[in-house]
Structure formats: C-alpha cells, structure tokens
Amino acid sequence: MVARSRPLTFFAIMLVLTLWVWGLSGVLFWIRWNSIERPGPPAKELFPYGEIRIGVDASYPPFAVANESDISGIDIDIGKAIGEQLNVPVRFINMGYDGLYDSLKADQADILISALTIDYSRSGDVLYTVPYYNAGQVLVTDVQHPLEDMNGVSGHSLAFEFGSEANLTARAWLRRIAPFQLMPYETPDFALDSVRLGDSDAALVDATSAGLYLRQHHDWNAQETQITDLLYAIAVSTKRGNTWSAVNQALKSLIDDKTIAVIIKKWL
C-alpha cells in the first residue's frame, strides 16, 4: 500500500511559509530600525572643552594666512561654517605644519583644517573626512582653442612650471601620446601668461595657482579641465570617532548646500 504523503507535504509548505514570513518581518524591521534618525552624542561629549579647537598652519594663502590681529582664508571660513552647522563655537590654533598631527595626539586640537592632503600612511592615527577641495593639476586653455584633455595636447605646445609636479606629469604624457612641445617656465603664472598671450596652446598647473591667476585676469575667458587629483580633507584622531562622524556629516551638508563652493569661489 502506498503511504499517504499529503499531510506531510502540507505541513512542510506551511513551515516554509512561516519561516519566509518571519524572515521578511526581520528584514523589514531591520530596514525600519536603520532608517530612524537618532540624535548623535551631545556637543559636550564631542567637544569636551566647549569649543572646536581647530589646528591650522596660517602660512599658506589663500587657505589660511595670519595678519596682525586675525587669521583668514578658505580653511578658516570652512571651520567657522562647521562650527555654525554644529552650533559649537570655534577657536583656531595657529601652529607650524610639522606640529599639526602631533597636536591631535597631544589633545591640543580637536580637528585639523589646514590644506591637508589625504595621507593613507596615517590611517592608524588619523581619520579623514570627505574631501572639500581638489588641488590637483588642471589643463588650462583659451575657450577659443580648447583642449578637452591631455590626449588633445598632441601636436600642440604645453606650458608648465619647471621642476614642478606638472613637469613630471607632462613628461609622463609625452611617453604615452603623440609628441607635443614642452614649454617650461619659472612659475605657474608665467606658464599661464604664455597661454593667455598666445605663446602656448595650453598650460598644466595646480588648481590653486590656476584659480588665483584667473581671479586676477577675470577678463580672460579660459577653460579648466581637471587632470590629476590632490584632495584636501579635515583630519581627526582615530580616538575621536564620534567627533569625526559629526564633523564629516557637517562637512557633507556644507558641500551639498553649496556653502563650500561659495567659500572657495570667494577666495579663488
């Protein structure tokens, strides 16, 4: 006689359906739980001194420069904006570049905003925020004779500062694409002059030099194309994870609402 298997099949199906419902409920609960915004740690915990102590080397305009009574620049404005975003007063501590990272270890500063490039060799001690500025090299041409990227430099002349990172990049590209004329100059400004005055077809300079130059020559209609990346970010000690999270989120918000772009445009 053949065994009757229908009840067993029915219970197996019910068991599978029950487990599936439980699993779906768990997934939906996890999604709901993680979508709920929760308040972060209080400011007193994030900044126990009642202020954001910002380490900065104020010897690098336009990012930070000290005068007789004050410090100003891109990094200073960003620090103030972060303080406003977090509703915490800020205090800038001017120090030499070599002492910046040590100030985090010694608890002399809460964060560093000082045109710092992201240095992965420091990942054991430092957390970096999202980048707020790209100081890499840009290709600058006249809009009447634009070159869209380095591939377009073939058969043209390229100006750059002799001995600079742009010099190395230009020579590297010379080995990758059809020949072009190398035109070294003493400074990035001289290289940009050569393009503006029609002596060179393009210039390869760092983004900051290009920004300052174009600010001074606002009547020149030039085109910039980013060629390499050199990212600036805010640094926080790895021991201050909650502080990093709050500062990073504040910076993201300032980037999203274009506050950072407005600050950079003010100076460059």
Protein backbone atom coordinates (compact mmCIF):
# COMPACT_ATOMS: atom_id res chain seq x y z
CA MET A 1 0.00 0.00 0.00
CA VAL A 2 1.30 3.50 -0.93
CA ALA A 3 1.82 5.80 2.05
CA ARG A 4 -0.34 8.92 2.20
CA SER A 5 2.10 11.92 1.97
CA ARG A 6 -0.32 14.82 1.59
CA PRO A 7 -0.39 15.89 5.26
CA LEU A 8 3.40 15.86 5.40
CA THR A 9 3.62 18.00 2.26
CA PHE A 10 1.06 20.45 3.66
CA PHE A 11 2.94 20.90 6.93
CA ALA A 12 6.24 21.32 5.05
CA ILE A 13 4.75 24.07 2.93
CA MET A 14 3.30 25.78 5.99
CA LEU A 15 6.68 25.60 7.74
CA VAL A 16 8.44 27.16 4.75
CA LEU A 17 5.83 29.92 4.52
CA THR A 18 6.12 30.63 8.24
CA LEU A 19 9.90 30.87 8.05
CA TRP A 20 9.61 33.11 5.00
CA VAL A 21 7.20 35.46 6.79
CA TRP A 22 9.48 35.59 9.84
CA GLY A 23 12.46 36.33 7.61
CA LEU A 24 10.61 39.06 5.73
CA SER A 25 9.46 40.60 9.00
CA GLY A 26 13.04 40.62 10.23
CA VAL A 27 14.28 42.34 7.08
CA LEU A 28 11.53 44.97 7.24
CA PHE A 29 12.27 45.59 10.93
CA TRP A 30 16.00 45.99 10.17
CA ILE A 31 15.26 48.47 7.37
CA ARG A 32 12.88 50.44 9.59
CA TRP A 33 15.28 50.42 12.54
CA ASN A 34 18.17 51.69 10.47
CA SER A 35 16.08 54.38 8.76
CA ILE A 36 15.20 56.06 12.04
CA GLU A 37 17.31 59.16 12.66
CA ARG A 38 18.80 59.12 16.12
CA PRO A 39 20.40 62.06 17.85
CA GLY A 40 24.19 61.90 17.98
CA PRO A 41 26.24 62.37 21.11
CA PRO A 42 25.83 65.78 22.78
CA ALA A 43 28.26 68.54 21.84
CA LYS A 44 29.80 68.40 25.31
CA GLU A 45 30.86 64.82 24.63
CA LEU A 46 32.12 65.57 21.13
CA PHE A 47 33.99 68.71 22.18
CA PRO A 48 34.63 68.49 25.94
CA TYR A 49 36.30 71.91 26.09
CA GLY A 50 33.10 73.62 24.98
CA GLU A 51 34.56 74.69 21.64
CA ILE A 52 36.01 73.20 18.48
CA ARG A 53 39.76 73.67 18.69
CA ILE A 54 40.96 73.82 15.09
CA GLY A 55 44.64 73.35 14.33
CA VAL A 56 45.85 75.33 11.32
CA ASP A 57 49.11 76.43 9.74
CA ALA A 58 48.31 80.01 8.77
CA SER A 59 51.16 80.40 6.31
CA TYR A 60 49.52 79.08 3.16
CA PRO A 61 47.27 81.61 1.42
CA PRO A 62 44.55 81.52 0.27
CA PHE A 63 43.74 78.63 2.64
CA ALA A 64 45.00 80.30 5.81
CA VAL A 65 47.07 83.41 6.41
CA ALA A 66 47.67 85.34 9.61
CA ASN A 67 47.78 89.11 9.85
CA GLU A 68 48.40 91.28 12.89
CA SER A 69 45.09 90.54 14.57
CA ASP A 70 43.33 87.70 12.78
CA ILE A 71 43.52 84.61 10.58
CA SER A 72 41.64 84.38 7.31
CA GLY A 73 41.31 82.10 4.32
CA ILE A 74 39.39 79.17 2.86
CA ASP A 75 40.13 76.82 5.75
CA ILE A 76 39.16 79.47 8.27
CA ASP A 77 35.80 80.07 6.62
CA ILE A 78 35.18 76.32 6.42
CA GLY A 79 35.99 75.93 10.11
CA LYS A 80 33.57 78.70 11.03
CA ALA A 81 30.85 77.16 8.85
CA ILE A 82 31.31 73.78 10.54
CA GLY A 83 31.03 75.45 13.93
CA GLU A 84 27.76 77.07 12.88
CA GLN A 85 26.50 73.77 11.49
CA LEU A 86 27.21 72.00 14.80
CA ASN A 87 26.23 75.02 16.91
CA VAL A 88 29.59 74.97 18.70
CA PRO A 89 32.00 77.94 18.93
CA VAL A 90 35.35 77.54 17.21
CA ARG A 91 38.86 78.58 18.14
CA PHE A 92 41.76 78.46 15.69
CA ILE A 93 45.18 77.42 16.97
CA ASN A 94 47.92 78.63 14.64
CA MET A 95 50.97 76.37 14.55
CA GLY A 96 53.69 75.17 12.21
CA TYR A 97 52.81 72.46 9.72
CA ASP A 98 55.16 69.96 11.37
CA GLY A 99 53.22 70.21 14.62
CA LEU A 100 49.72 69.72 13.25
CA TYR A 101 49.36 65.96 13.58
CA ASP A 102 51.19 65.94 16.91
CA SER A 103 48.59 68.39 18.23
CA LEU A 104 45.90 65.75 17.69
CA LYS A 105 47.88 63.16 19.63
CA ALA A 106 48.56 65.61 22.46
CA ASP A 107 44.88 66.69 22.63
CA GLN A 108 45.83 70.26 21.80
CA ALA A 109 43.40 70.36 18.87
CA ASP A 110 40.12 68.60 18.14
CA ILE A 111 40.40 68.74 14.36
CA LEU A 112 42.83 69.96 11.72
CA ILE A 113 41.76 72.13 8.79
CA SER A 114 44.96 73.13 7.05
CA ALA A 115 45.04 72.19 3.36
CA LEU A 116 45.90 68.63 4.38
CA THR A 117 46.11 66.02 1.66
CA ILE A 118 44.66 62.62 2.48
CA ASP A 119 47.65 60.58 3.69
CA TYR A 120 46.78 56.89 3.90
CA SER A 121 50.03 56.14 5.72
CA ARG A 122 48.49 57.91 8.74
CA SER A 123 45.34 55.78 8.76
CA GLY A 124 46.33 54.19 12.06
CA ASP A 125 46.19 57.54 13.85
CA VAL A 126 44.00 59.81 11.73
CA LEU A 127 40.51 59.76 10.25
CA TYR A 128 39.91 61.98 7.23
CA THR A 129 36.59 63.47 6.27
CA VAL A 130 35.22 63.61 2.77
CA PRO A 131 37.43 65.92 0.67
CA TYR A 132 36.44 69.56 0.39
CA TYR A 133 38.89 70.67 -2.31
CA ASN A 134 40.82 69.17 -5.23
CA ALA A 135 44.24 70.79 -5.57
CA GLY A 136 45.37 68.54 -8.41
CA GLN A 137 46.67 69.71 -11.76
CA VAL A 138 44.39 71.31 -14.31
CA LEU A 139 44.79 71.84 -18.02
CA VAL A 140 44.11 75.49 -18.86
CA THR A 141 43.33 76.62 -22.40
CA ASP A 142 41.66 79.55 -24.11
CA VAL A 143 37.98 78.83 -24.80
CA GLN A 144 38.56 79.86 -28.41
CA HIS A 145 41.04 76.99 -28.79
CA PRO A 146 40.03 74.44 -26.14
CA LEU A 147 41.72 71.12 -25.45
CA GLU A 148 39.40 68.74 -23.63
CA ASP A 149 42.04 66.51 -22.04
CA MET A 150 45.71 65.56 -22.20
CA ASN A 151 45.15 63.39 -25.26
CA GLY A 152 44.35 66.57 -27.14
CA VAL A 153 47.73 68.10 -26.34
CA SER A 154 49.41 66.05 -29.10
CA GLY A 155 50.77 68.34 -31.78
CA HIS A 156 50.41 71.41 -29.55
CA SER A 157 52.57 73.25 -27.03
CA LEU A 158 52.21 72.74 -23.27
CA ALA A 159 53.46 75.26 -20.70
CA PHE A 160 54.24 74.32 -17.08
CA GLU A 161 56.42 75.30 -14.15
CA PHE A 162 59.90 73.80 -14.50
CA GLY A 163 60.66 71.23 -11.80
CA SER A 164 57.06 71.02 -10.60
CA GLU A 165 54.68 68.09 -10.40
CA ALA A 166 53.22 69.35 -13.67
CA ASN A 167 56.66 68.95 -15.23
CA LEU A 168 56.68 65.25 -14.26
CA THR A 169 53.12 64.77 -15.48
CA ALA A 170 53.87 66.43 -18.82
CA ARG A 171 56.87 64.17 -19.42
CA ALA A 172 54.85 61.10 -18.45
CA TRP A 173 52.22 62.02 -21.03
CA LEU A 174 54.92 62.63 -23.62
CA ARG A 175 55.68 58.90 -23.42
CA ARG A 176 52.02 57.94 -23.79
CA ILE A 177 50.70 60.05 -26.66
CA ALA A 178 51.93 61.57 -29.91
CA PRO A 179 54.60 64.26 -29.44
CA PHE A 180 53.89 67.78 -28.22
CA GLN A 181 56.14 70.71 -27.40
CA LEU A 182 57.30 71.14 -23.81
CA MET A 183 57.48 74.77 -22.70
CA PRO A 184 58.89 75.12 -19.16
CA TYR A 185 58.60 78.40 -17.26
CA GLU A 186 59.85 79.70 -13.93
CA THR A 187 56.42 79.92 -12.28
CA PRO A 188 52.83 78.74 -12.86
CA ASP A 189 51.84 82.36 -13.52
CA PHE A 190 54.39 82.64 -16.33
CA ALA A 191 53.07 79.38 -17.82
CA LEU A 192 49.53 80.75 -17.73
CA ASP A 193 50.71 84.07 -19.18
CA SER A 194 52.04 82.18 -22.18
CA VAL A 195 48.60 80.72 -22.90
CA ARG A 196 46.73 83.96 -22.33
CA LEU A 197 49.13 85.85 -24.62
CA GLY A 198 49.04 83.16 -27.30
CA ASP A 199 52.59 81.83 -26.92
CA SER A 200 51.43 78.36 -25.80
CA ASP A 201 48.37 76.29 -26.57
CA ALA A 202 47.80 75.05 -23.02
CA ALA A 203 49.21 75.16 -19.50
CA LEU A 204 49.35 72.44 -16.88
CA VAL A 205 49.34 73.93 -13.37
CA ASP A 206 47.90 73.16 -9.94
CA ALA A 207 44.28 74.12 -9.39
CA THR A 208 45.08 76.73 -6.74
CA SER A 209 47.56 78.58 -8.95
CA ALA A 210 45.04 78.49 -11.79
CA GLY A 211 42.27 79.81 -9.55
CA LEU A 212 44.35 82.70 -8.21
CA TYR A 213 45.56 83.61 -11.69
CA LEU A 214 42.11 83.58 -13.26
CA ARG A 215 40.81 85.68 -10.37
CA GLN A 216 43.40 88.33 -11.28
CA HIS A 217 42.68 88.03 -15.01
CA HIS A 218 38.90 87.75 -14.89
CA ASP A 219 38.63 89.24 -18.38
CA TRP A 220 40.35 86.18 -19.89
CA ASN A 221 37.86 83.52 -20.93
CA ALA A 222 39.73 80.33 -20.06
CA GLN A 223 38.73 76.69 -19.76
CA GLU A 224 39.95 74.39 -16.97
CA THR A 225 39.98 70.59 -17.09
CA GLN A 226 40.96 68.52 -14.05
CA ILE A 227 43.83 66.17 -14.91
CA THR A 228 45.07 64.81 -11.56
CA ASP A 229 43.62 64.66 -8.06
CA LEU A 230 45.13 66.01 -4.85
CA LEU A 231 42.37 66.00 -2.26
CA TYR A 232 42.22 68.17 0.86
CA ALA A 233 40.27 66.93 3.88
CA ILE A 234 39.79 67.57 7.60
CA ALA A 235 41.75 65.34 9.98
CA VAL A 236 40.52 63.93 13.31
CA SER A 237 42.17 61.49 15.70
CA THR A 238 41.09 57.86 15.39
CA LYS A 239 40.36 58.04 19.13
CA ARG A 240 37.58 60.55 18.42
CA GLY A 241 35.30 58.52 16.17
CA ASN A 242 32.11 60.30 17.22
CA THR A 243 33.75 63.68 16.68
CA TRP A 244 34.86 62.60 13.22
CA SER A 245 31.34 61.41 12.39
CA ALA A 246 29.78 64.72 13.43
CA VAL A 247 32.35 66.84 11.59
CA ASN A 248 32.18 64.65 8.50
CA GLN A 249 28.39 64.90 8.37
CA ALA A 250 28.53 68.66 8.88
CA LEU A 251 31.03 68.98 6.02
CA LYS A 252 28.87 66.81 3.76
CA SER A 253 25.91 69.09 4.44
CA LEU A 254 28.00 72.16 3.63
CA ILE A 255 29.11 70.56 0.37
CA ASP A 256 25.56 69.56 -0.55
CA ASP A 257 24.09 73.02 0.05
CA LYS A 258 26.96 74.65 -1.94
CA THR A 259 28.38 76.52 1.07
CA ILE A 260 31.85 75.07 0.43
CA ALA A 261 31.67 76.04 -3.25
CA VAL A 262 30.74 79.61 -2.28
CA ILE A 263 33.65 79.79 0.17
CA ILE A 264 36.14 78.53 -2.40
CA LYS A 265 34.80 80.92 -5.05
CA LYS A 266 35.25 83.78 -2.59
CA TRP A 267 38.99 83.15 -2.46
CA LEU A 268 39.79 81.56 -5.83
